[in-house]
Amino acid sequence: MNEIEIEVVYALPDIQTLLRVKVPEGATAAQAVELSGIMQKHPEIDLEKNKLGVFGKLVKTDTQLREQDRVEIYRPLIADPKEIRKKRAEEGKVMKKGGGDLPT
């Protein structure tokens, strides 16, 4: 059976783990994560919750990999980016309303 070499990457705010591994040709993204052993180093990884990507593009767990692919394991978002932007916009409106009362 032929093998391909890939990378599996997982990043936390203070540390990044990058593993180069050989997997069977035709291996999926989920299989590569499991075969890499990264889940033993980072038991918080859950393939039911964590999304996967290849070079920054989201992929499904059953996506077949090619030679030199980099499988990225994404952490769940802490907050919804849309809600954060909405909150900042509202805060900006409040600040603008009060900012026009400065003496000249």
PDB file of N, CA and C in Angstrom:
ATOM      1  N   MET A   1       0.844  -1.189   0.000  1.00  0.00           N
ATOM      2  CA  MET A   1       0.000   0.000   0.000  1.00  0.00           C
ATOM      3  C   MET A   1       0.886   1.247   0.000  1.00  0.00           C
ATOM      4  N   ASN A   2       0.554   2.178  -0.859  1.00  0.00           N
ATOM      5  CA  ASN A   2       1.317   3.422  -0.940  1.00  0.00           C
ATOM      6  C   ASN A   2       0.933   4.351   0.201  1.00  0.00           C
ATOM      7  N   GLU A   3       1.899   5.163   0.600  1.00  0.00           N
ATOM      8  CA  GLU A   3       1.658   6.152   1.647  1.00  0.00           C
ATOM      9  C   GLU A   3       1.906   7.555   1.099  1.00  0.00           C
ATOM     10  N   ILE A   4       1.268   8.533   1.747  1.00  0.00           N
ATOM     11  CA  ILE A   4       1.514   9.937   1.426  1.00  0.00           C
ATOM     12  C   ILE A   4       1.943  10.625   2.715  1.00  0.00           C
ATOM     13  N   GLU A   5       2.708  11.687   2.573  1.00  0.00           N
ATOM     14  CA  GLU A   5       3.139  12.455   3.743  1.00  0.00           C
ATOM     15  C   GLU A   5       2.273  13.704   3.852  1.00  0.00           C
ATOM     16  N   ILE A   6       1.732  13.923   5.049  1.00  0.00           N
ATOM     17  CA  ILE A   6       0.881  15.087   5.301  1.00  0.00           C
ATOM     18  C   ILE A   6       1.298  15.718   6.632  1.00  0.00           C
ATOM     19  N   GLU A   7       0.701  16.859   6.944  1.00  0.00           N
ATOM     20  CA  GLU A   7       0.908  17.499   8.239  1.00  0.00           C
ATOM     21  C   GLU A   7      -0.445  17.621   8.931  1.00  0.00           C
ATOM     22  N   VAL A   8      -0.422  17.511  10.253  1.00  0.00           N
ATOM     23  CA  VAL A   8      -1.608  17.752  11.067  1.00  0.00           C
ATOM     24  C   VAL A   8      -1.237  18.860  12.040  1.00  0.00           C
ATOM     25  N   VAL A   9      -2.072  19.909  12.095  1.00  0.00           N
ATOM     26  CA  VAL A   9      -1.753  21.096  12.885  1.00  0.00           C
ATOM     27  C   VAL A   9      -2.909  21.427  13.825  1.00  0.00           C
ATOM     28  N   TYR A  10      -2.541  21.790  15.059  1.00  0.00           N
ATOM     29  CA  TYR A  10      -3.519  22.256  16.048  1.00  0.00           C
ATOM     30  C   TYR A  10      -2.866  23.382  16.833  1.00  0.00           C
ATOM     31  N   ALA A  11      -3.555  24.500  16.945  1.00  0.00           N
ATOM     32  CA  ALA A  11      -2.957  25.659  17.618  1.00  0.00           C
ATOM     33  C   ALA A  11      -3.821  26.121  18.780  1.00  0.00           C
ATOM     34  N   LEU A  12      -3.170  26.353  19.898  1.00  0.00           N
ATOM     35  CA  LEU A  12      -3.767  26.988  21.058  1.00  0.00           C
ATOM     36  C   LEU A  12      -3.209  28.404  21.125  1.00  0.00           C
ATOM     37  N   PRO A  13      -3.774  29.281  21.963  1.00  0.00           N
ATOM     38  CA  PRO A  13      -3.259  30.651  22.012  1.00  0.00           C
ATOM     39  C   PRO A  13      -1.751  30.742  22.295  1.00  0.00           C
ATOM     40  N   ASP A  14      -1.214  29.793  23.064  1.00  0.00           N
ATOM     41  CA  ASP A  14       0.192  29.894  23.454  1.00  0.00           C
ATOM     42  C   ASP A  14       1.111  28.825  22.868  1.00  0.00           C
ATOM     43  N   ILE A  15       0.556  27.857  22.146  1.00  0.00           N
ATOM     44  CA  ILE A  15       1.398  26.794  21.593  1.00  0.00           C
ATOM     45  C   ILE A  15       0.764  26.221  20.327  1.00  0.00           C
ATOM     46  N   GLN A  16       1.631  25.827  19.393  1.00  0.00           N
ATOM     47  CA  GLN A  16       1.162  25.197  18.154  1.00  0.00           C
ATOM     48  C   GLN A  16       1.806  23.831  18.047  1.00  0.00           C
ATOM     49  N   THR A  17       1.014  22.832  17.678  1.00  0.00           N
ATOM     50  CA  THR A  17       1.531  21.487  17.458  1.00  0.00           C
ATOM     51  C   THR A  17       1.420  21.178  15.975  1.00  0.00           C
ATOM     52  N   LEU A  18       2.538  20.818  15.372  1.00  0.00           N
ATOM     53  CA  LEU A  18       2.579  20.443  13.962  1.00  0.00           C
ATOM     54  C   LEU A  18       3.251  19.081  13.871  1.00  0.00           C
ATOM     55  N   LEU A  19       2.542  18.125  13.335  1.00  0.00           N
ATOM     56  CA  LEU A  19       3.075  16.775  13.195  1.00  0.00           C
ATOM     57  C   LEU A  19       3.114  16.388  11.725  1.00  0.00           C
ATOM     58  N   ARG A  20       4.260  15.883  11.282  1.00  0.00           N
ATOM     59  CA  ARG A  20       4.371  15.329   9.924  1.00  0.00           C
ATOM     60  C   ARG A  20       4.178  13.824  10.046  1.00  0.00           C
ATOM     61  N   VAL A  21       3.233  13.318   9.284  1.00  0.00           N
ATOM     62  CA  VAL A  21       2.936  11.890   9.373  1.00  0.00           C
ATOM     63  C   VAL A  21       2.730  11.290   7.999  1.00  0.00           C
ATOM     64  N   LYS A  22       2.971   9.989   7.920  1.00  0.00           N
ATOM     65  CA  LYS A  22       2.675   9.241   6.698  1.00  0.00           C
ATOM     66  C   LYS A  22       1.381   8.484   6.950  1.00  0.00           C
ATOM     67  N   VAL A  23       0.479   8.610   5.993  1.00  0.00           N
ATOM     68  CA  VAL A  23      -0.814   7.933   6.085  1.00  0.00           C
ATOM     69  C   VAL A  23      -1.032   7.153   4.792  1.00  0.00           C
ATOM     70  N   PRO A  24      -1.900   6.152   4.833  1.00  0.00           N
ATOM     71  CA  PRO A  24      -2.172   5.401   3.600  1.00  0.00           C
ATOM     72  C   PRO A  24      -2.783   6.304   2.531  1.00  0.00           C
ATOM     73  N   GLU A  25      -2.400   6.072   1.298  1.00  0.00           N
ATOM     74  CA  GLU A  25      -2.995   6.812   0.197  1.00  0.00           C
ATOM     75  C   GLU A  25      -4.508   6.612   0.248  1.00  0.00           C
ATOM     76  N   GLY A  26      -5.273   7.695   0.086  1.00  0.00           N
ATOM     77  CA  GLY A  26      -6.727   7.614   0.168  1.00  0.00           C
ATOM     78  C   GLY A  26      -7.269   7.907   1.564  1.00  0.00           C
ATOM     79  N   ALA A  27      -6.387   8.181   2.536  1.00  0.00           N
ATOM     80  CA  ALA A  27      -6.824   8.478   3.903  1.00  0.00           C
ATOM     81  C   ALA A  27      -7.644   9.765   3.930  1.00  0.00           C
ATOM     82  N   THR A  28      -8.589   9.808   4.843  1.00  0.00           N
ATOM     83  CA  THR A  28      -9.424  10.994   4.993  1.00  0.00           C
ATOM     84  C   THR A  28      -8.817  11.931   6.040  1.00  0.00           C
ATOM     85  N   ALA A  29      -9.364  13.143   6.113  1.00  0.00           N
ATOM     86  CA  ALA A  29      -8.884  14.122   7.088  1.00  0.00           C
ATOM     87  C   ALA A  29      -9.042  13.581   8.510  1.00  0.00           C
ATOM     88  N   ALA A  30     -10.189  12.977   8.812  1.00  0.00           N
ATOM     89  CA  ALA A  30     -10.405  12.425  10.153  1.00  0.00           C
ATOM     90  C   ALA A  30      -9.427  11.290  10.450  1.00  0.00           C
ATOM     91  N   GLN A  31      -9.193  10.426   9.483  1.00  0.00           N
ATOM     92  CA  GLN A  31      -8.240   9.328   9.681  1.00  0.00           C
ATOM     93  C   GLN A  31      -6.838   9.873   9.947  1.00  0.00           C
ATOM     94  N   ALA A  32      -6.461  10.914   9.240  1.00  0.00           N
ATOM     95  CA  ALA A  32      -5.135  11.507   9.428  1.00  0.00           C
ATOM     96  C   ALA A  32      -4.987  12.066  10.845  1.00  0.00           C
ATOM     97  N   VAL A  33      -6.032  12.729  11.331  1.00  0.00           N
ATOM     98  CA  VAL A  33      -5.984  13.268  12.700  1.00  0.00           C
ATOM     99  C   VAL A  33      -5.806  12.118  13.688  1.00  0.00           C
ATOM    100  N   GLU A  34      -6.581  11.061  13.517  1.00  0.00           N
ATOM    101  CA  GLU A  34      -6.493   9.926  14.435  1.00  0.00           C
ATOM    102  C   GLU A  34      -5.140   9.228  14.340  1.00  0.00           C
ATOM    103  N   LEU A  35      -4.641   9.022  13.125  1.00  0.00           N
ATOM    104  CA  LEU A  35      -3.363   8.330  12.940  1.00  0.00           C
ATOM    105  C   LEU A  35      -2.176   9.157  13.426  1.00  0.00           C
ATOM    106  N   SER A  36      -2.321  10.476  13.443  1.00  0.00           N
ATOM    107  CA  SER A  36      -1.207  11.339  13.842  1.00  0.00           C
ATOM    108  C   SER A  36      -0.869  11.232  15.323  1.00  0.00           C
ATOM    109  N   GLY A  37      -1.838  10.817  16.145  1.00  0.00           N
ATOM    110  CA  GLY A  37      -1.608  10.762  17.584  1.00  0.00           C
ATOM    111  C   GLY A  37      -1.814  12.091  18.285  1.00  0.00           C
ATOM    112  N   ILE A  38      -2.236  13.109  17.570  1.00  0.00           N
ATOM    113  CA  ILE A  38      -2.382  14.449  18.148  1.00  0.00           C
ATOM    114  C   ILE A  38      -3.473  14.481  19.231  1.00  0.00           C
ATOM    115  N   MET A  39      -4.443  13.573  19.129  1.00  0.00           N
ATOM    116  CA  MET A  39      -5.521  13.556  20.112  1.00  0.00           C
ATOM    117  C   MET A  39      -5.042  13.048  21.480  1.00  0.00           C
ATOM    118  N   GLN A  40      -3.928  12.335  21.509  1.00  0.00           N
ATOM    119  CA  GLN A  40      -3.355  11.928  22.789  1.00  0.00           C
ATOM    120  C   GLN A  40      -2.666  13.124  23.459  1.00  0.00           C
ATOM    121  N   LYS A  41      -2.052  13.990  22.648  1.00  0.00           N
ATOM    122  CA  LYS A  41      -1.411  15.200  23.179  1.00  0.00           C
ATOM    123  C   LYS A  41      -2.432  16.243  23.578  1.00  0.00           C
ATOM    124  N   HIS A  42      -3.546  16.295  22.840  1.00  0.00           N
ATOM    125  CA  HIS A  42      -4.591  17.298  23.065  1.00  0.00           C
ATOM    126  C   HIS A  42      -5.940  16.584  23.172  1.00  0.00           C
ATOM    127  N   PRO A  43      -6.246  16.030  24.355  1.00  0.00           N
ATOM    128  CA  PRO A  43      -7.491  15.260  24.503  1.00  0.00           C
ATOM    129  C   PRO A  43      -8.761  16.093  24.335  1.00  0.00           C
ATOM    130  N   GLU A  44      -8.636  17.422  24.327  1.00  0.00           N
ATOM    131  CA  GLU A  44      -9.817  18.279  24.127  1.00  0.00           C
ATOM    132  C   GLU A  44     -10.313  18.252  22.686  1.00  0.00           C
ATOM    133  N   ILE A  45      -9.515  17.722  21.767  1.00  0.00           N
ATOM    134  CA  ILE A  45      -9.934  17.633  20.365  1.00  0.00           C
ATOM    135  C   ILE A  45     -11.044  16.602  20.258  1.00  0.00           C
ATOM    136  N   ASP A  46     -12.155  17.017  19.657  1.00  0.00           N
ATOM    137  CA  ASP A  46     -13.310  16.150  19.452  1.00  0.00           C
ATOM    138  C   ASP A  46     -13.750  16.337  18.002  1.00  0.00           C
ATOM    139  N   LEU A  47     -13.593  15.304  17.202  1.00  0.00           N
ATOM    140  CA  LEU A  47     -13.910  15.429  15.776  1.00  0.00           C
ATOM    141  C   LEU A  47     -15.394  15.645  15.514  1.00  0.00           C
ATOM    142  N   GLU A  48     -16.223  15.501  16.543  1.00  0.00           N
ATOM    143  CA  GLU A  48     -17.643  15.828  16.409  1.00  0.00           C
ATOM    144  C   GLU A  48     -17.856  17.335  16.545  1.00  0.00           C
ATOM    145  N   LYS A  49     -16.950  18.024  17.253  1.00  0.00           N
ATOM    146  CA  LYS A  49     -17.105  19.462  17.526  1.00  0.00           C
ATOM    147  C   LYS A  49     -16.101  20.323  16.760  1.00  0.00           C
ATOM    148  N   ASN A  50     -14.847  19.868  16.691  1.00  0.00           N
ATOM    149  CA  ASN A  50     -13.820  20.656  16.014  1.00  0.00           C
ATOM    150  C   ASN A  50     -13.970  20.529  14.503  1.00  0.00           C
ATOM    151  N   LYS A  51     -13.901  21.655  13.819  1.00  0.00           N
ATOM    152  CA  LYS A  51     -13.938  21.643  12.359  1.00  0.00           C
ATOM    153  C   LYS A  51     -12.526  21.388  11.841  1.00  0.00           C
ATOM    154  N   LEU A  52     -12.438  20.866  10.628  1.00  0.00           N
ATOM    155  CA  LEU A  52     -11.157  20.581   9.995  1.00  0.00           C
ATOM    156  C   LEU A  52     -11.028  21.408   8.724  1.00  0.00           C
ATOM    157  N   GLY A  53      -9.789  21.717   8.383  1.00  0.00           N
ATOM    158  CA  GLY A  53      -9.515  22.427   7.148  1.00  0.00           C
ATOM    159  C   GLY A  53      -8.239  21.900   6.513  1.00  0.00           C
ATOM    160  N   VAL A  54      -8.073  22.198   5.243  1.00  0.00           N
ATOM    161  CA  VAL A  54      -6.829  21.910   4.528  1.00  0.00           C
ATOM    162  C   VAL A  54      -6.376  23.222   3.926  1.00  0.00           C
ATOM    163  N   PHE A  55      -5.237  23.713   4.389  1.00  0.00           N
ATOM    164  CA  PHE A  55      -4.692  25.000   3.947  1.00  0.00           C
ATOM    165  C   PHE A  55      -5.707  26.129   4.065  1.00  0.00           C
ATOM    166  N   GLY A  56      -6.397  26.207   5.220  1.00  0.00           N
ATOM    167  CA  GLY A  56      -7.295  27.322   5.493  1.00  0.00           C
ATOM    168  C   GLY A  56      -8.684  27.201   4.898  1.00  0.00           C
ATOM    169  N   LYS A  57      -8.975  26.113   4.223  1.00  0.00           N
ATOM    170  CA  LYS A  57     -10.302  25.924   3.620  1.00  0.00           C
ATOM    171  C   LYS A  57     -11.000  24.786   4.358  1.00  0.00           C
ATOM    172  N   LEU A  58     -12.212  25.057   4.874  1.00  0.00           N
ATOM    173  CA  LEU A  58     -12.954  24.028   5.596  1.00  0.00           C
ATOM    174  C   LEU A  58     -13.186  22.805   4.717  1.00  0.00           C
ATOM    175  N   VAL A  59     -13.027  21.624   5.324  1.00  0.00           N
ATOM    176  CA  VAL A  59     -13.296  20.366   4.627  1.00  0.00           C
ATOM    177  C   VAL A  59     -14.128  19.470   5.534  1.00  0.00           C
ATOM    178  N   LYS A  60     -14.770  18.503   4.946  1.00  0.00           N
ATOM    179  CA  LYS A  60     -15.505  17.512   5.720  1.00  0.00           C
ATOM    180  C   LYS A  60     -14.519  16.465   6.220  1.00  0.00           C
ATOM    181  N   THR A  61     -14.921  15.761   7.276  1.00  0.00           N
ATOM    182  CA  THR A  61     -14.023  14.757   7.856  1.00  0.00           C
ATOM    183  C   THR A  61     -13.696  13.634   6.883  1.00  0.00           C
ATOM    184  N   ASP A  62     -14.567  13.399   5.896  1.00  0.00           N
ATOM    185  CA  ASP A  62     -14.327  12.308   4.946  1.00  0.00           C
ATOM    186  C   ASP A  62     -13.598  12.758   3.668  1.00  0.00           C
ATOM    187  N   THR A  63     -13.078  13.985   3.684  1.00  0.00           N
ATOM    188  CA  THR A  63     -12.314  14.477   2.526  1.00  0.00           C
ATOM    189  C   THR A  63     -11.014  13.695   2.391  1.00  0.00           C
ATOM    190  N   GLN A  64     -10.765  13.163   1.197  1.00  0.00           N
ATOM    191  CA  GLN A  64      -9.523  12.423   0.962  1.00  0.00           C
ATOM    192  C   GLN A  64      -8.362  13.402   0.799  1.00  0.00           C
ATOM    193  N   LEU A  65      -7.239  13.018   1.372  1.00  0.00           N
ATOM    194  CA  LEU A  65      -6.054  13.881   1.358  1.00  0.00           C
ATOM    195  C   LEU A  65      -5.134  13.541   0.207  1.00  0.00           C
ATOM    196  N   ARG A  66      -4.309  14.539  -0.125  1.00  0.00           N
ATOM    197  CA  ARG A  66      -3.282  14.370  -1.149  1.00  0.00           C
ATOM    198  C   ARG A  66      -1.914  14.605  -0.518  1.00  0.00           C
ATOM    199  N   GLU A  67      -0.897  14.172  -1.194  1.00  0.00           N
ATOM    200  CA  GLU A  67       0.484  14.361  -0.749  1.00  0.00           C
ATOM    201  C   GLU A  67       0.725  15.821  -0.352  1.00  0.00           C
ATOM    202  N   GLN A  68       1.349  16.023   0.792  1.00  0.00           N
ATOM    203  CA  GLN A  68       1.744  17.338   1.311  1.00  0.00           C
ATOM    204  C   GLN A  68       0.579  18.213   1.797  1.00  0.00           C
ATOM    205  N   ASP A  69      -0.631  17.667   1.918  1.00  0.00           N
ATOM    206  CA  ASP A  69      -1.738  18.438   2.490  1.00  0.00           C
ATOM    207  C   ASP A  69      -1.434  18.747   3.951  1.00  0.00           C
ATOM    208  N   ARG A  70      -1.988  19.847   4.433  1.00  0.00           N
ATOM    209  CA  ARG A  70      -1.865  20.212   5.847  1.00  0.00           C
ATOM    210  C   ARG A  70      -3.273  20.233   6.433  1.00  0.00           C
ATOM    211  N   VAL A  71      -3.556  19.283   7.308  1.00  0.00           N
ATOM    212  CA  VAL A  71      -4.862  19.207   7.959  1.00  0.00           C
ATOM    213  C   VAL A  71      -4.810  20.101   9.192  1.00  0.00           C
ATOM    214  N   GLU A  72      -5.721  21.064   9.245  1.00  0.00           N
ATOM    215  CA  GLU A  72      -5.777  22.003  10.356  1.00  0.00           C
ATOM    216  C   GLU A  72      -7.001  21.689  11.202  1.00  0.00           C
ATOM    217  N   ILE A  73      -6.801  21.629  12.509  1.00  0.00           N
ATOM    218  CA  ILE A  73      -7.892  21.368  13.441  1.00  0.00           C
ATOM    219  C   ILE A  73      -8.249  22.704  14.075  1.00  0.00           C
ATOM    220  N   TYR A  74      -9.492  23.140  13.881  1.00  0.00           N
ATOM    221  CA  TYR A  74      -9.921  24.448  14.367  1.00  0.00           C
ATOM    222  C   TYR A  74     -10.632  24.311  15.706  1.00  0.00           C
ATOM    223  N   ARG A  75     -10.316  25.225  16.613  1.00  0.00           N
ATOM    224  CA  ARG A  75     -10.996  25.266  17.913  1.00  0.00           C
ATOM    225  C   ARG A  75     -12.351  25.938  17.736  1.00  0.00           C
ATOM    226  N   PRO A  76     -13.338  25.543  18.551  1.00  0.00           N
ATOM    227  CA  PRO A  76     -14.646  26.209  18.465  1.00  0.00           C
ATOM    228  C   PRO A  76     -14.510  27.686  18.827  1.00  0.00           C
ATOM    229  N   LEU A  77     -15.334  28.522  18.209  1.00  0.00           N
ATOM    230  CA  LEU A  77     -15.315  29.948  18.529  1.00  0.00           C
ATOM    231  C   LEU A  77     -15.888  30.179  19.913  1.00  0.00           C
ATOM    232  N   ILE A  78     -15.283  31.110  20.642  1.00  0.00           N
ATOM    233  CA  ILE A  78     -15.765  31.448  21.974  1.00  0.00           C
ATOM    234  C   ILE A  78     -16.995  32.340  21.863  1.00  0.00           C
ATOM    235  N   ALA A  79     -16.984  33.250  20.905  1.00  0.00           N
ATOM    236  CA  ALA A  79     -18.102  34.174  20.711  1.00  0.00           C
ATOM    237  C   ALA A  79     -18.416  34.269  19.225  1.00  0.00           C
ATOM    238  N   ASP A  80     -19.652  34.616  18.916  1.00  0.00           N
ATOM    239  CA  ASP A  80     -20.084  34.768  17.544  1.00  0.00           C
ATOM    240  C   ASP A  80     -19.540  36.086  16.981  1.00  0.00           C
ATOM    241  N   PRO A  81     -18.728  36.052  15.921  1.00  0.00           N
ATOM    242  CA  PRO A  81     -18.153  37.283  15.366  1.00  0.00           C
ATOM    243  C   PRO A  81     -19.199  38.321  14.967  1.00  0.00           C
ATOM    244  N   LYS A  82     -20.351  37.872  14.474  1.00  0.00           N
ATOM    245  CA  LYS A  82     -21.411  38.811  14.083  1.00  0.00           C
ATOM    246  C   LYS A  82     -21.941  39.568  15.300  1.00  0.00           C
ATOM    247  N   GLU A  83     -22.104  38.853  16.408  1.00  0.00           N
ATOM    248  CA  GLU A  83     -22.597  39.499  17.635  1.00  0.00           C
ATOM    249  C   GLU A  83     -21.574  40.510  18.160  1.00  0.00           C
ATOM    250  N   ILE A  84     -20.301  40.182  18.070  1.00  0.00           N
ATOM    251  CA  ILE A  84     -19.250  41.100  18.533  1.00  0.00           C
ATOM    252  C   ILE A  84     -19.263  42.377  17.700  1.00  0.00           C
ATOM    253  N   ARG A  85     -19.363  42.248  16.362  1.00  0.00           N
ATOM    254  CA  ARG A  85     -19.403  43.438  15.495  1.00  0.00           C
ATOM    255  C   ARG A  85     -20.636  44.284  15.797  1.00  0.00           C
ATOM    256  N   LYS A  86     -21.759  43.622  16.004  1.00  0.00           N
ATOM    257  CA  LYS A  86     -23.006  44.332  16.309  1.00  0.00           C
ATOM    258  C   LYS A  86     -22.851  45.118  17.614  1.00  0.00           C
ATOM    259  N   LYS A  87     -22.269  44.491  18.626  1.00  0.00           N
ATOM    260  CA  LYS A  87     -22.071  45.154  19.923  1.00  0.00           C
ATOM    261  C   LYS A  87     -21.133  46.356  19.778  1.00  0.00           C
ATOM    262  N   ARG A  88     -20.047  46.190  19.022  1.00  0.00           N
ATOM    263  CA  ARG A  88     -19.114  47.305  18.805  1.00  0.00           C
ATOM    264  C   ARG A  88     -19.799  48.461  18.079  1.00  0.00           C
ATOM    265  N   ALA A  89     -20.622  48.138  17.104  1.00  0.00           N
ATOM    266  CA  ALA A  89     -21.339  49.180  16.355  1.00  0.00           C
ATOM    267  C   ALA A  89     -22.272  49.944  17.290  1.00  0.00           C
ATOM    268  N   GLU A  90     -22.974  49.228  18.159  1.00  0.00           N
ATOM    269  CA  GLU A  90     -23.874  49.889  19.111  1.00  0.00           C
ATOM    270  C   GLU A  90     -23.093  50.774  20.079  1.00  0.00           C
ATOM    271  N   GLU A  91     -21.951  50.285  20.551  1.00  0.00           N
ATOM    272  CA  GLU A  91     -21.117  51.076  21.456  1.00  0.00           C
ATOM    273  C   GLU A  91     -20.601  52.331  20.760  1.00  0.00           C
ATOM    274  N   GLY A  92     -20.274  52.213  19.487  1.00  0.00           N
ATOM    275  CA  GLY A  92     -19.795  53.362  18.710  1.00  0.00           C
ATOM    276  C   GLY A  92     -20.854  54.432  18.578  1.00  0.00           C
ATOM    277  N   LYS A  93     -22.111  54.035  18.386  1.00  0.00           N
ATOM    278  CA  LYS A  93     -23.212  54.994  18.278  1.00  0.00           C
ATOM    279  C   LYS A  93     -23.400  55.754  19.582  1.00  0.00           C
ATOM    280  N   VAL A  94     -23.290  55.063  20.701  1.00  0.00           N
ATOM    281  CA  VAL A  94     -23.433  55.698  22.015  1.00  0.00           C
ATOM    282  C   VAL A  94     -22.321  56.717  22.219  1.00  0.00           C
ATOM    283  N   MET A  95     -21.110  56.365  21.843  1.00  0.00           N
ATOM    284  CA  MET A  95     -19.974  57.278  22.008  1.00  0.00           C
ATOM    285  C   MET A  95     -20.135  58.519  21.135  1.00  0.00           C
ATOM    286  N   LYS A  96     -20.621  58.353  19.909  1.00  0.00           N
ATOM    287  CA  LYS A  96     -20.793  59.497  19.008  1.00  0.00           C
ATOM    288  C   LYS A  96     -21.846  60.460  19.536  1.00  0.00           C
ATOM    289  N   LYS A  97     -22.912  59.939  20.129  1.00  0.00           N
ATOM    290  CA  LYS A  97     -23.974  60.795  20.658  1.00  0.00           C
ATOM    291  C   LYS A  97     -23.454  61.700  21.763  1.00  0.00           C
ATOM    292  N   GLY A  98     -22.600  61.194  22.602  1.00  0.00           N
ATOM    293  CA  GLY A  98     -22.094  61.975  23.732  1.00  0.00           C
ATOM    294  C   GLY A  98     -20.874  62.814  23.380  1.00  0.00           C
ATOM    295  N   GLY A  99     -20.280  62.621  22.217  1.00  0.00           N
ATOM    296  CA  GLY A  99     -19.018  63.277  21.878  1.00  0.00           C
ATOM    297  C   GLY A  99     -19.159  64.689  21.371  1.00  0.00           C
ATOM    298  N   GLY A 100     -20.344  65.177  21.080  1.00  0.00           N
ATOM    299  CA  GLY A 100     -20.495  66.505  20.477  1.00  0.00           C
ATOM    300  C   GLY A 100     -20.645  67.639  21.471  1.00  0.00           C
ATOM    301  N   ASP A 101     -20.537  67.392  22.763  1.00  0.00           N
ATOM    302  CA  ASP A 101     -20.789  68.401  23.762  1.00  0.00           C
ATOM    303  C   ASP A 101     -19.524  69.036  24.322  1.00  0.00           C
ATOM    304  N   LEU A 102     -18.433  68.960  23.603  1.00  0.00           N
ATOM    305  CA  LEU A 102     -17.168  69.521  24.090  1.00  0.00           C
ATOM    306  C   LEU A 102     -17.165  71.052  23.901  1.00  0.00           C
ATOM    307  N   PRO A 103     -16.661  71.802  24.889  1.00  0.00           N
ATOM    308  CA  PRO A 103     -16.595  73.255  24.758  1.00  0.00           C
ATOM    309  C   PRO A 103     -15.592  73.669  23.684  1.00  0.00           C
ATOM    310  N   THR A 104     -15.855  74.775  23.026  1.00  0.00           N
ATOM    311  CA  THR A 104     -14.948  75.268  21.969  1.00  0.00           C
ATOM    312  C   THR A 104     -14.169  76.461  22.437  1.00  0.00           C
TER     313      THR A 104
END
